């Protein structure tokens, strides 16, 4: 009788153990499936790819803005519209100063530059006249203090012509004859020939000086 009581107990214990193992196995399978279906890895990878795609153009745009900003600080528009009225060579009968000045026609305008590859207005006139033994300061207002005053009707080739473009004498060029002058106009035009009768210059002409005898 003792044996028969033990046998049902063993059978019940076995059934319970099998049920527990099956439940635990099912839980593991369900847990693995959840991990397998977890999209976190895919999302993280996509996020990294998106970051790479977005950040590079942003850095480039910032760099372009900095370059543009720096460029604006190193150039300055001075003078008029920059209408070029010059030919490729100095006019017939030009004196030495005008002929020499024409060698730099088309060179870029950069504020503060004094040649030979770039000029601002007073940098251009001082560079040209230096070749003829005349030392002029690199400032248009100061250059106005040199030489002998000349009226507009008595202008001759090589005379300096001065303009009030910013509330004071702030632009200068070299008269070449025929009512025209060569100068470092602005950052759009560079060294160019313009007319004294052009509206911008006609209304801003202050005077002229003869620094060569």
N, C-alpha and C. Protein backbone atom coordinates (compact mmCIF):
# COMPACT_ATOMS: atom_id res chain seq x y z
N UNK A 1 0.83 -1.20 0.00
CA UNK A 1 0.00 0.00 0.00
C UNK A 1 0.87 1.25 0.00
N UNK A 2 2.01 1.21 0.67
CA UNK A 2 2.92 2.35 0.72
C UNK A 2 3.42 2.70 -0.66
N UNK A 3 3.71 1.66 -1.47
CA UNK A 3 4.23 1.88 -2.82
C UNK A 3 3.19 2.57 -3.70
N UNK A 4 1.92 2.13 -3.55
CA UNK A 4 0.87 2.69 -4.40
C UNK A 4 0.61 4.15 -4.08
N UNK A 5 0.84 4.59 -2.79
CA UNK A 5 0.66 6.00 -2.45
C UNK A 5 1.75 6.87 -3.05
N UNK A 6 2.96 6.31 -3.14
CA UNK A 6 4.11 7.09 -3.65
C UNK A 6 4.01 7.32 -5.14
N UNK A 7 3.51 6.34 -5.84
CA UNK A 7 3.43 6.42 -7.30
C UNK A 7 2.57 7.58 -7.79
N UNK A 8 1.39 7.80 -7.25
CA UNK A 8 0.60 8.97 -7.70
C UNK A 8 1.31 10.27 -7.39
N UNK A 9 2.03 10.31 -6.26
CA UNK A 9 2.74 11.54 -5.90
C UNK A 9 3.82 11.86 -6.92
N UNK A 10 4.53 10.79 -7.33
CA UNK A 10 5.59 10.99 -8.33
C UNK A 10 4.98 11.47 -9.64
N UNK A 11 3.86 10.88 -10.00
CA UNK A 11 3.21 11.25 -11.26
C UNK A 11 2.79 12.73 -11.26
N UNK A 12 2.20 13.16 -10.12
CA UNK A 12 1.75 14.56 -10.00
C UNK A 12 2.93 15.51 -10.05
N UNK A 13 4.01 15.13 -9.35
CA UNK A 13 5.22 15.99 -9.33
C UNK A 13 5.81 16.10 -10.71
N UNK A 14 5.78 15.00 -11.44
CA UNK A 14 6.34 15.01 -12.81
C UNK A 14 5.54 15.92 -13.71
N UNK A 15 4.23 15.83 -13.60
CA UNK A 15 3.35 16.68 -14.43
C UNK A 15 3.58 18.14 -14.12
N UNK A 16 3.72 18.48 -12.85
CA UNK A 16 3.95 19.88 -12.46
C UNK A 16 5.28 20.38 -12.98
N UNK A 17 6.30 19.51 -12.91
CA UNK A 17 7.64 19.92 -13.41
C UNK A 17 7.61 20.18 -14.90
N UNK A 18 6.93 19.31 -15.63
CA UNK A 18 6.82 19.49 -17.09
C UNK A 18 6.10 20.78 -17.41
N UNK A 19 5.06 21.08 -16.65
CA UNK A 19 4.29 22.30 -16.88
C UNK A 19 5.14 23.53 -16.63
N UNK A 20 5.94 23.49 -15.56
CA UNK A 20 6.82 24.63 -15.23
C UNK A 20 7.88 24.84 -16.31
N UNK A 21 8.47 23.74 -16.75
CA UNK A 21 9.51 23.82 -17.80
C UNK A 21 8.93 24.38 -19.08
N UNK A 22 7.72 23.93 -19.45
CA UNK A 22 7.07 24.41 -20.67
C UNK A 22 6.77 25.90 -20.58
N UNK A 23 6.31 26.33 -19.39
CA UNK A 23 5.98 27.74 -19.21
C UNK A 23 7.23 28.60 -19.29
N UNK A 24 8.30 28.11 -18.64
CA UNK A 24 9.56 28.85 -18.65
C UNK A 24 10.14 28.94 -20.06
N UNK A 25 10.05 27.82 -20.80
CA UNK A 25 10.54 27.80 -22.19
C UNK A 25 9.75 28.75 -23.05
N UNK A 26 8.43 28.75 -22.88
CA UNK A 26 7.57 29.65 -23.65
C UNK A 26 7.92 31.09 -23.34
N UNK A 27 8.21 31.40 -22.07
CA UNK A 27 8.58 32.77 -21.67
C UNK A 27 9.87 33.19 -22.34
N UNK A 28 10.86 32.24 -22.38
CA UNK A 28 12.14 32.55 -23.01
C UNK A 28 11.96 32.83 -24.49
N UNK A 29 11.15 31.99 -25.15
CA UNK A 29 10.91 32.18 -26.58
C UNK A 29 10.25 33.52 -26.82
N UNK A 30 9.27 33.87 -25.96
CA UNK A 30 8.57 35.13 -26.11
C UNK A 30 9.52 36.29 -25.87
N UNK A 31 10.41 36.17 -24.88
CA UNK A 31 11.38 37.22 -24.58
C UNK A 31 12.35 37.40 -25.73
N UNK A 32 12.85 36.33 -26.32
CA UNK A 32 13.76 36.41 -27.46
C UNK A 32 13.10 37.08 -28.65
N UNK A 33 11.83 36.75 -28.85
CA UNK A 33 11.11 37.34 -29.96
C UNK A 33 11.00 38.85 -29.77
N UNK A 34 10.79 39.27 -28.52
CA UNK A 34 10.67 40.70 -28.25
C UNK A 34 11.99 41.40 -28.53
N UNK A 35 13.08 40.75 -28.12
CA UNK A 35 14.40 41.34 -28.38
C UNK A 35 14.68 41.37 -29.86
N UNK A 36 14.30 40.29 -30.53
CA UNK A 36 14.54 40.20 -31.96
C UNK A 36 13.80 41.28 -32.73
N UNK A 37 12.58 41.57 -32.26
CA UNK A 37 11.77 42.58 -32.95
C UNK A 37 12.08 44.01 -32.50
N UNK A 38 12.97 44.16 -31.52
CA UNK A 38 13.29 45.49 -31.00
C UNK A 38 13.94 46.34 -32.08
N UNK A 39 13.34 47.50 -32.47
CA UNK A 39 13.85 48.31 -33.57
C UNK A 39 14.91 49.33 -33.14
N UNK A 40 15.35 49.26 -31.88
CA UNK A 40 16.24 50.31 -31.38
C UNK A 40 17.54 50.39 -32.17
N UNK A 41 18.09 49.25 -32.59
CA UNK A 41 19.36 49.27 -33.33
C UNK A 41 19.18 49.94 -34.67
N UNK A 42 18.09 49.61 -35.36
CA UNK A 42 17.83 50.20 -36.66
C UNK A 42 17.62 51.70 -36.54
N UNK A 43 16.85 52.12 -35.56
CA UNK A 43 16.58 53.54 -35.35
C UNK A 43 17.85 54.29 -35.03
N UNK A 44 18.70 53.71 -34.18
CA UNK A 44 19.94 54.37 -33.82
C UNK A 44 20.84 54.54 -35.03
N UNK A 45 20.91 53.51 -35.86
CA UNK A 45 21.72 53.59 -37.07
C UNK A 45 21.18 54.66 -38.00
N UNK A 46 19.85 54.69 -38.17
CA UNK A 46 19.25 55.71 -39.04
C UNK A 46 19.51 57.09 -38.49
N UNK A 47 19.49 57.22 -37.16
CA UNK A 47 19.73 58.52 -36.55
C UNK A 47 21.14 59.00 -36.83
N UNK A 48 22.11 58.10 -36.74
CA UNK A 48 23.50 58.46 -37.02
C UNK A 48 23.66 58.89 -38.46
N UNK A 49 23.04 58.13 -39.37
CA UNK A 49 23.12 58.50 -40.78
C UNK A 49 22.51 59.87 -41.02
N UNK A 50 21.39 60.15 -40.37
CA UNK A 50 20.74 61.44 -40.54
C UNK A 50 21.60 62.56 -40.01
N UNK A 51 22.26 62.32 -38.86
CA UNK A 51 23.15 63.34 -38.31
C UNK A 51 24.25 63.69 -39.28
N UNK A 52 24.85 62.66 -39.90
CA UNK A 52 25.94 62.91 -40.84
C UNK A 52 25.45 63.72 -42.03
N UNK A 53 24.26 63.42 -42.47
CA UNK A 53 23.72 64.12 -43.66
C UNK A 53 23.40 65.57 -43.35
N UNK A 54 22.94 65.86 -42.14
CA UNK A 54 22.49 67.21 -41.81
C UNK A 54 23.65 68.10 -41.38
N UNK A 55 24.56 67.58 -40.58
CA UNK A 55 25.58 68.44 -39.97
C UNK A 55 26.62 68.95 -40.96
N UNK A 56 26.99 68.16 -41.93
CA UNK A 56 28.03 68.60 -42.87
C UNK A 56 27.62 69.84 -43.64
N UNK A 57 26.42 69.89 -44.25
CA UNK A 57 26.02 71.13 -44.92
C UNK A 57 25.94 72.32 -43.98
N UNK A 58 25.53 72.07 -42.70
CA UNK A 58 25.45 73.18 -41.76
C UNK A 58 26.83 73.77 -41.52
N UNK A 59 27.83 72.92 -41.37
CA UNK A 59 29.19 73.42 -41.16
C UNK A 59 29.67 74.17 -42.38
N UNK A 60 29.37 73.65 -43.58
CA UNK A 60 29.78 74.33 -44.81
C UNK A 60 29.11 75.68 -44.94
N UNK A 61 27.82 75.75 -44.59
CA UNK A 61 27.09 77.02 -44.68
C UNK A 61 27.69 78.04 -43.72
N UNK A 62 28.04 77.60 -42.50
CA UNK A 62 28.65 78.51 -41.54
C UNK A 62 29.99 79.01 -42.06
N UNK A 63 30.77 78.11 -42.67
CA UNK A 63 32.07 78.50 -43.20
C UNK A 63 31.90 79.52 -44.32
N UNK A 64 30.92 79.31 -45.21
CA UNK A 64 30.67 80.25 -46.30
C UNK A 64 30.25 81.61 -45.76
N UNK A 65 29.46 81.60 -44.68
CA UNK A 65 29.05 82.87 -44.08
C UNK A 65 30.24 83.61 -43.51
N UNK A 66 31.18 82.85 -42.89
CA UNK A 66 32.37 83.49 -42.33
C UNK A 66 33.22 84.06 -43.43
N UNK A 67 33.40 83.32 -44.53
CA UNK A 67 34.19 83.82 -45.65
C UNK A 67 33.58 85.07 -46.24
N UNK A 68 32.23 85.03 -46.43
CA UNK A 68 31.55 86.21 -46.96
C UNK A 68 31.73 87.40 -46.05
N UNK A 69 31.62 87.16 -44.72
CA UNK A 69 31.77 88.25 -43.77
C UNK A 69 33.17 88.83 -43.83
N UNK A 70 34.20 87.95 -43.93
CA UNK A 70 35.58 88.42 -44.00
C UNK A 70 35.81 89.23 -45.26
N UNK A 71 35.25 88.75 -46.37
CA UNK A 71 35.41 89.47 -47.63
C UNK A 71 34.84 90.86 -47.54
N UNK A 72 33.68 91.02 -46.92
CA UNK A 72 33.05 92.33 -46.79
C UNK A 72 33.92 93.28 -45.99
N UNK A 73 34.67 92.74 -45.03
CA UNK A 73 35.49 93.60 -44.19
C UNK A 73 36.74 94.07 -44.92
N UNK A 74 37.18 93.33 -45.93
CA UNK A 74 38.43 93.68 -46.59
C UNK A 74 38.21 94.44 -47.89
N UNK A 75 36.97 94.66 -48.28
CA UNK A 75 36.70 95.44 -49.48
C UNK A 75 35.73 96.55 -49.15
N UNK A 76 35.77 97.62 -49.95
CA UNK A 76 34.90 98.76 -49.70
C UNK A 76 34.58 99.42 -51.02
N UNK A 77 33.30 99.61 -51.29
CA UNK A 77 32.90 100.31 -52.51
C UNK A 77 33.09 101.81 -52.35
N UNK A 78 34.00 102.36 -53.15
CA UNK A 78 34.23 103.79 -53.14
C UNK A 78 34.15 104.28 -54.58
N UNK A 79 33.73 105.51 -54.77
CA UNK A 79 33.61 106.05 -56.12
C UNK A 79 32.22 105.84 -56.67
N UNK A 80 32.07 105.96 -57.97
CA UNK A 80 30.75 105.94 -58.61
C UNK A 80 30.35 104.59 -59.12
N UNK A 81 29.66 104.61 -60.28
CA UNK A 81 29.07 103.40 -60.82
C UNK A 81 30.09 102.45 -61.43
N UNK A 82 31.29 102.93 -61.68
CA UNK A 82 32.31 102.07 -62.26
C UNK A 82 32.12 101.82 -63.73
N UNK A 83 31.57 102.78 -64.47
CA UNK A 83 31.40 102.63 -65.91
C UNK A 83 32.75 102.82 -66.59
N UNK A 84 33.21 101.78 -67.25
CA UNK A 84 34.55 101.84 -67.85
C UNK A 84 34.51 102.57 -69.18
N UNK A 85 35.26 103.65 -69.27
CA UNK A 85 35.33 104.41 -70.51
C UNK A 85 36.74 104.40 -71.07
N UNK A 86 37.50 103.39 -70.70
CA UNK A 86 38.90 103.30 -71.14
C UNK A 86 39.05 102.29 -72.26
N UNK A 87 40.04 102.53 -73.11
CA UNK A 87 40.44 101.52 -74.07
C UNK A 87 41.53 100.66 -73.46
N UNK A 88 42.02 99.68 -74.17
CA UNK A 88 43.06 98.80 -73.61
C UNK A 88 44.41 99.48 -73.47
N UNK A 89 44.60 100.61 -74.16
CA UNK A 89 45.88 101.32 -74.10
C UNK A 89 45.64 102.78 -73.73
N UNK A 90 46.72 103.41 -73.25
CA UNK A 90 46.63 104.83 -72.91
C UNK A 90 46.34 105.64 -74.17
N UNK A 91 45.60 106.74 -74.04
CA UNK A 91 45.27 107.57 -75.21
C UNK A 91 46.53 108.12 -75.90
N UNK A 92 46.39 108.40 -77.18
CA UNK A 92 47.50 109.00 -77.94
C UNK A 92 47.93 110.31 -77.27
N UNK A 93 49.22 110.52 -77.20
CA UNK A 93 49.75 111.76 -76.63
C UNK A 93 49.74 111.80 -75.12
N UNK A 94 49.53 110.66 -74.43
CA UNK A 94 49.53 110.64 -72.98
C UNK A 94 50.93 110.92 -72.44
N UNK A 95 50.98 111.64 -71.35
CA UNK A 95 52.30 111.85 -70.73
C UNK A 95 52.72 110.60 -69.98
N UNK A 96 53.89 110.63 -69.40
CA UNK A 96 54.45 109.44 -68.77
C UNK A 96 53.63 108.94 -67.59
N UNK A 97 53.07 109.85 -66.81
CA UNK A 97 52.28 109.45 -65.64
C UNK A 97 51.04 108.68 -66.08
N UNK A 98 50.33 109.20 -67.07
CA UNK A 98 49.12 108.53 -67.55
C UNK A 98 49.45 107.18 -68.18
N UNK A 99 50.50 107.15 -68.99
CA UNK A 99 50.89 105.89 -69.64
C UNK A 99 51.25 104.83 -68.59
N UNK A 100 51.92 105.26 -67.54
CA UNK A 100 52.30 104.31 -66.47
C UNK A 100 51.06 103.86 -65.70
N UNK A 101 50.17 104.78 -65.42
CA UNK A 101 48.94 104.44 -64.68
C UNK A 101 48.12 103.39 -65.43
N UNK A 102 48.13 103.48 -66.76
CA UNK A 102 47.37 102.54 -67.59
C UNK A 102 47.88 101.10 -67.47
N UNK A 103 49.10 100.94 -67.03
CA UNK A 103 49.63 99.58 -66.87
C UNK A 103 48.85 98.78 -65.82
N UNK A 104 48.14 99.49 -64.97
CA UNK A 104 47.42 98.83 -63.88
C UNK A 104 45.91 98.81 -64.10
N UNK A 105 45.48 99.17 -65.29
CA UNK A 105 44.06 99.16 -65.61
C UNK A 105 43.48 97.76 -65.40
N UNK A 106 42.41 97.66 -64.68
CA UNK A 106 41.77 96.37 -64.42
C UNK A 106 42.23 95.67 -63.16
N UNK A 107 43.26 96.20 -62.49
CA UNK A 107 43.70 95.58 -61.24
C UNK A 107 42.58 95.72 -60.20
N UNK A 108 42.48 94.76 -59.29
CA UNK A 108 41.36 94.79 -58.33
C UNK A 108 41.48 95.90 -57.29
N UNK A 109 40.33 96.30 -56.81
CA UNK A 109 40.25 97.27 -55.71
C UNK A 109 40.12 96.50 -54.40
N UNK A 110 41.04 96.76 -53.48
CA UNK A 110 40.94 96.24 -52.11
C UNK A 110 41.29 97.37 -51.17
N UNK A 111 40.42 97.64 -50.23
CA UNK A 111 40.64 98.73 -49.30
C UNK A 111 41.94 98.53 -48.55
N UNK A 112 42.79 99.58 -48.54
CA UNK A 112 44.06 99.53 -47.84
C UNK A 112 45.22 99.03 -48.69
N UNK A 113 44.94 98.52 -49.90
CA UNK A 113 46.00 97.98 -50.74
C UNK A 113 46.74 99.10 -51.48
N UNK A 114 48.04 98.92 -51.66
CA UNK A 114 48.86 99.96 -52.30
C UNK A 114 49.72 99.40 -53.42
N UNK A 115 49.28 98.33 -54.08
CA UNK A 115 49.92 97.82 -55.26
C UNK A 115 51.02 96.81 -54.99
N UNK A 116 51.55 96.25 -56.05
CA UNK A 116 51.17 96.50 -57.45
C UNK A 116 50.03 95.61 -57.97
N UNK A 117 49.58 94.65 -57.15
CA UNK A 117 48.55 93.71 -57.63
C UNK A 117 47.14 94.11 -57.26
N UNK A 118 46.99 95.04 -56.35
CA UNK A 118 45.67 95.55 -55.94
C UNK A 118 45.86 96.93 -55.33
N UNK A 119 44.80 97.75 -55.39
CA UNK A 119 44.89 99.12 -54.90
C UNK A 119 43.58 99.56 -54.28
N UNK A 120 43.66 100.58 -53.38
CA UNK A 120 42.51 101.42 -53.14
C UNK A 120 42.84 102.76 -53.82
N UNK A 121 41.96 103.76 -53.71
CA UNK A 121 42.15 104.96 -54.53
C UNK A 121 43.45 105.70 -54.24
N UNK A 122 43.73 105.97 -52.96
CA UNK A 122 44.96 106.70 -52.63
C UNK A 122 46.19 105.81 -52.74
N UNK A 123 45.99 104.50 -52.56
CA UNK A 123 47.10 103.57 -52.76
C UNK A 123 47.55 103.56 -54.22
N UNK A 124 46.58 103.70 -55.12
CA UNK A 124 46.88 103.73 -56.55
C UNK A 124 47.66 105.00 -56.92
N UNK A 125 47.16 106.16 -56.51
CA UNK A 125 47.84 107.41 -56.88
C UNK A 125 49.23 107.50 -56.24
N UNK A 126 49.36 107.07 -54.99
CA UNK A 126 50.68 107.13 -54.35
C UNK A 126 51.66 106.18 -55.02
N UNK A 127 51.18 105.01 -55.45
CA UNK A 127 52.06 104.05 -56.12
C UNK A 127 52.53 104.59 -57.47
N UNK A 128 51.61 105.17 -58.24
CA UNK A 128 51.97 105.71 -59.56
C UNK A 128 52.97 106.85 -59.41
N UNK A 129 52.70 107.78 -58.54
CA UNK A 129 53.57 108.96 -58.42
C UNK A 129 54.92 108.62 -57.79
N UNK A 130 54.98 107.56 -57.01
CA UNK A 130 56.26 107.13 -56.44
C UNK A 130 57.25 106.80 -57.53
N UNK A 131 56.76 106.28 -58.65
CA UNK A 131 57.63 105.93 -59.78
C UNK A 131 58.24 107.17 -60.43
N UNK A 132 57.69 108.35 -60.11
CA UNK A 132 58.19 109.60 -60.69
C UNK A 132 58.80 110.51 -59.62
N UNK A 133 59.20 109.89 -58.53
CA UNK A 133 59.92 110.62 -57.49
C UNK A 133 59.06 111.45 -56.57
N UNK A 134 57.76 111.27 -56.59
CA UNK A 134 56.86 112.03 -55.72
C UNK A 134 56.30 111.10 -54.65
N UNK A 135 56.53 111.46 -53.38
CA UNK A 135 56.05 110.64 -52.27
C UNK A 135 54.74 111.21 -51.74
N UNK A 136 53.68 110.46 -51.86
CA UNK A 136 52.36 110.89 -51.39
C UNK A 136 51.88 109.96 -50.28
N UNK A 137 51.21 110.51 -49.26
CA UNK A 137 50.68 109.65 -48.19
C UNK A 137 49.54 108.78 -48.71
N UNK A 138 49.35 107.66 -48.04
CA UNK A 138 48.30 106.74 -48.45
C UNK A 138 46.98 107.15 -47.78
N UNK A 139 46.51 108.33 -48.17
CA UNK A 139 45.23 108.84 -47.64
C UNK A 139 44.82 110.00 -48.53
N UNK A 140 43.62 109.91 -49.11
CA UNK A 140 43.21 110.91 -50.10
C UNK A 140 43.12 112.32 -49.51
N UNK A 141 42.60 112.46 -48.30
CA UNK A 141 42.51 113.77 -47.68
C UNK A 141 43.88 114.40 -47.47
N UNK A 142 44.86 113.58 -47.09
CA UNK A 142 46.22 114.09 -46.90
C UNK A 142 46.87 114.44 -48.23
N UNK A 143 46.58 113.68 -49.28
CA UNK A 143 47.15 113.99 -50.60
C UNK A 143 46.66 115.36 -51.10
N UNK A 144 45.49 115.75 -50.66
CA UNK A 144 44.94 117.04 -51.09
C UNK A 144 45.80 118.21 -50.59
N UNK A 145 46.61 117.97 -49.60
CA UNK A 145 47.48 119.01 -49.08
C UNK A 145 48.76 119.18 -49.87
N UNK A 146 48.97 118.38 -50.90
CA UNK A 146 50.19 118.45 -51.71
C UNK A 146 49.92 119.17 -53.04
N UNK A 147 50.96 119.76 -53.60
CA UNK A 147 50.89 120.34 -54.93
C UNK A 147 50.18 121.68 -55.00
N UNK A 148 49.92 122.11 -56.22
CA UNK A 148 49.31 123.41 -56.52
C UNK A 148 47.87 123.21 -56.98
N UNK A 149 46.98 124.02 -56.46
CA UNK A 149 45.57 123.91 -56.85
C UNK A 149 45.39 124.28 -58.32
N UNK A 150 44.51 123.54 -58.99
CA UNK A 150 44.23 123.75 -60.41
C UNK A 150 42.72 123.78 -60.60
N UNK A 151 42.23 124.70 -61.40
CA UNK A 151 40.79 124.76 -61.68
C UNK A 151 40.42 123.65 -62.66
N UNK A 152 39.14 123.32 -62.70
CA UNK A 152 38.68 122.26 -63.59
C UNK A 152 38.95 122.61 -65.05
N UNK A 153 38.84 123.88 -65.40
CA UNK A 153 39.06 124.30 -66.79
C UNK A 153 40.53 124.25 -67.20
N UNK A 154 41.44 124.18 -66.22
CA UNK A 154 42.87 124.16 -66.53
C UNK A 154 43.53 122.82 -66.23
N UNK A 155 42.73 121.77 -66.09
CA UNK A 155 43.28 120.45 -65.80
C UNK A 155 44.21 119.98 -66.92
N UNK A 156 45.29 119.32 -66.50
CA UNK A 156 46.25 118.74 -67.45
C UNK A 156 46.50 117.28 -67.07
N UNK A 157 46.97 116.50 -68.02
CA UNK A 157 47.26 115.09 -67.76
C UNK A 157 48.19 114.96 -66.55
N UNK A 158 47.86 114.04 -65.68
CA UNK A 158 48.69 113.79 -64.50
C UNK A 158 48.22 114.52 -63.26
N UNK A 159 47.32 115.48 -63.37
CA UNK A 159 46.81 116.17 -62.19
C UNK A 159 45.96 115.22 -61.35
N UNK A 160 45.99 115.44 -60.05
CA UNK A 160 45.15 114.65 -59.14
C UNK A 160 43.78 115.32 -59.02
N UNK A 161 42.73 114.53 -59.10
CA UNK A 161 41.37 115.05 -58.92
C UNK A 161 40.76 114.41 -57.67
N UNK A 162 40.12 115.24 -56.86
CA UNK A 162 39.63 114.80 -55.55
C UNK A 162 38.11 114.92 -55.44
N UNK A 163 37.52 114.01 -54.68
CA UNK A 163 36.07 113.94 -54.54
C UNK A 163 35.66 113.77 -53.08
N UNK A 164 34.51 114.34 -52.77
CA UNK A 164 33.91 114.18 -51.45
C UNK A 164 32.83 113.10 -51.55
N UNK A 165 33.16 111.89 -51.12
CA UNK A 165 32.20 110.79 -51.23
C UNK A 165 31.64 110.33 -49.89
N UNK A 166 32.24 110.75 -48.78
CA UNK A 166 31.77 110.34 -47.46
C UNK A 166 31.76 111.50 -46.47
N UNK A 167 31.39 112.68 -46.94
CA UNK A 167 31.33 113.83 -46.05
C UNK A 167 32.64 114.59 -45.95
N UNK A 168 33.66 114.10 -46.61
CA UNK A 168 34.96 114.77 -46.64
C UNK A 168 35.70 114.26 -47.87
N UNK A 169 36.90 114.78 -48.10
CA UNK A 169 37.68 114.29 -49.24
C UNK A 169 38.03 112.83 -48.99
N UNK A 170 37.52 111.96 -49.83
CA UNK A 170 37.66 110.52 -49.57
C UNK A 170 37.90 109.70 -50.84
N UNK A 171 38.12 110.38 -51.97
CA UNK A 171 38.40 109.65 -53.21
C UNK A 171 39.30 110.51 -54.09
N UNK A 172 40.21 109.83 -54.82
CA UNK A 172 41.18 110.54 -55.65
C UNK A 172 41.50 109.72 -56.89
N UNK A 173 41.77 110.43 -57.98
CA UNK A 173 42.16 109.77 -59.22
C UNK A 173 43.15 110.64 -59.98
N UNK A 174 43.58 110.15 -61.14
CA UNK A 174 44.57 110.86 -61.96
C UNK A 174 43.91 111.29 -63.27
N UNK A 175 43.94 112.56 -63.54
CA UNK A 175 43.32 113.09 -64.76
C UNK A 175 44.13 112.65 -65.98
N UNK A 176 43.43 112.17 -67.03
CA UNK A 176 44.13 111.67 -68.22
C UNK A 176 43.82 112.50 -69.46
N UNK A 177 42.99 113.54 -69.29
CA UNK A 177 42.61 114.37 -70.45
C UNK A 177 41.23 114.00 -70.95
N UNK A 178 40.65 114.92 -71.75
CA UNK A 178 39.35 114.67 -72.34
C UNK A 178 38.23 114.55 -71.33
N UNK A 179 38.40 115.17 -70.16
CA UNK A 179 37.35 115.10 -69.14
C UNK A 179 37.28 113.76 -68.43
N UNK A 180 38.32 112.95 -68.51
CA UNK A 180 38.31 111.62 -67.89
C UNK A 180 39.45 111.47 -66.90
N UNK A 181 39.33 110.49 -66.03
CA UNK A 181 40.39 110.22 -65.05
C UNK A 181 40.47 108.72 -64.78
N UNK A 182 41.66 108.25 -64.41
CA UNK A 182 41.87 106.85 -64.09
C UNK A 182 42.00 106.75 -62.57
N UNK A 183 41.38 105.73 -62.01
CA UNK A 183 41.36 105.60 -60.54
C UNK A 183 40.99 104.18 -60.13
N UNK A 184 41.28 103.86 -58.87
CA UNK A 184 40.80 102.61 -58.28
C UNK A 184 39.39 102.89 -57.77
N UNK A 185 38.39 102.55 -58.59
CA UNK A 185 37.03 102.98 -58.33
C UNK A 185 36.36 102.33 -57.15
N UNK A 186 36.13 101.04 -57.23
CA UNK A 186 35.48 100.30 -56.16
C UNK A 186 35.72 98.82 -56.35
N UNK A 187 35.20 98.01 -55.44
CA UNK A 187 35.48 96.57 -55.47
C UNK A 187 34.82 95.87 -56.65
N UNK A 188 33.85 96.50 -57.31
CA UNK A 188 33.24 95.90 -58.50
C UNK A 188 34.08 96.15 -59.74
N UNK A 189 34.67 97.35 -59.82
CA UNK A 189 35.33 97.75 -61.07
C UNK A 189 36.84 97.63 -61.04
N UNK A 190 37.46 97.79 -59.87
CA UNK A 190 38.92 97.83 -59.80
C UNK A 190 39.43 99.13 -60.39
N UNK A 191 40.63 99.11 -60.95
CA UNK A 191 41.21 100.31 -61.57
C UNK A 191 40.52 100.52 -62.91
N UNK A 192 39.96 101.70 -63.08
CA UNK A 192 39.08 101.96 -64.21
C UNK A 192 39.20 103.43 -64.63
N UNK A 193 38.68 103.74 -65.82
CA UNK A 193 38.61 105.12 -66.29
C UNK A 193 37.16 105.57 -66.24
N UNK A 194 36.92 106.74 -65.67
CA UNK A 194 35.57 107.29 -65.57
C UNK A 194 35.58 108.74 -66.07
N UNK A 195 34.39 109.30 -66.23
CA UNK A 195 34.25 110.67 -66.72
C UNK A 195 33.91 111.62 -65.59
N UNK A 196 34.53 112.79 -65.62
CA UNK A 196 34.21 113.82 -64.63
C UNK A 196 32.79 114.34 -64.79
N UNK A 197 32.19 114.12 -65.94
CA UNK A 197 30.82 114.59 -66.17
C UNK A 197 29.78 113.58 -65.71
N UNK A 198 30.21 112.39 -65.32
CA UNK A 198 29.27 111.40 -64.77
C UNK A 198 28.64 111.99 -63.52
N UNK A 199 27.34 111.81 -63.37
CA UNK A 199 26.60 112.45 -62.29
C UNK A 199 27.21 112.29 -60.92
N UNK A 200 27.64 111.07 -60.61
CA UNK A 200 28.19 110.81 -59.27
C UNK A 200 29.41 111.67 -59.02
N UNK A 201 30.34 111.70 -59.97
CA UNK A 201 31.59 112.44 -59.78
C UNK A 201 31.39 113.94 -59.98
N UNK A 202 30.56 114.34 -60.91
CA UNK A 202 30.34 115.76 -61.18
C UNK A 202 29.82 116.48 -59.93
N UNK A 203 28.99 115.81 -59.17
CA UNK A 203 28.40 116.43 -57.97
C UNK A 203 29.32 116.34 -56.76
N UNK A 204 30.40 115.60 -56.86
CA UNK A 204 31.27 115.38 -55.69
C UNK A 204 32.70 115.88 -55.90
N UNK A 205 32.98 116.46 -57.05
CA UNK A 205 34.33 116.97 -57.31
C UNK A 205 34.65 118.13 -56.37
N UNK A 206 35.76 118.02 -55.66
CA UNK A 206 36.17 119.03 -54.69
C UNK A 206 37.21 119.97 -55.30
N UNK A 207 38.14 119.39 -56.04
CA UNK A 207 39.21 120.20 -56.60
C UNK A 207 40.27 119.32 -57.23
N UNK A 208 41.34 119.96 -57.67
CA UNK A 208 42.44 119.24 -58.31
C UNK A 208 43.77 119.83 -57.88
N UNK A 209 44.82 118.99 -57.90
CA UNK A 209 46.15 119.43 -57.51
C UNK A 209 47.16 118.95 -58.54
N UNK A 210 48.13 119.81 -58.82
CA UNK A 210 49.23 119.45 -59.74
C UNK A 210 50.48 119.22 -58.88
N UNK A 211 50.93 117.99 -58.86
CA UNK A 211 52.07 117.63 -58.01
C UNK A 211 53.35 117.48 -58.82
N UNK A 212 53.22 117.50 -60.15
CA UNK A 212 54.40 117.43 -61.01
C UNK A 212 54.52 118.75 -61.77
N UNK A 213 55.73 119.25 -61.94
CA UNK A 213 55.94 120.49 -62.67
C UNK A 213 55.95 120.23 -64.16
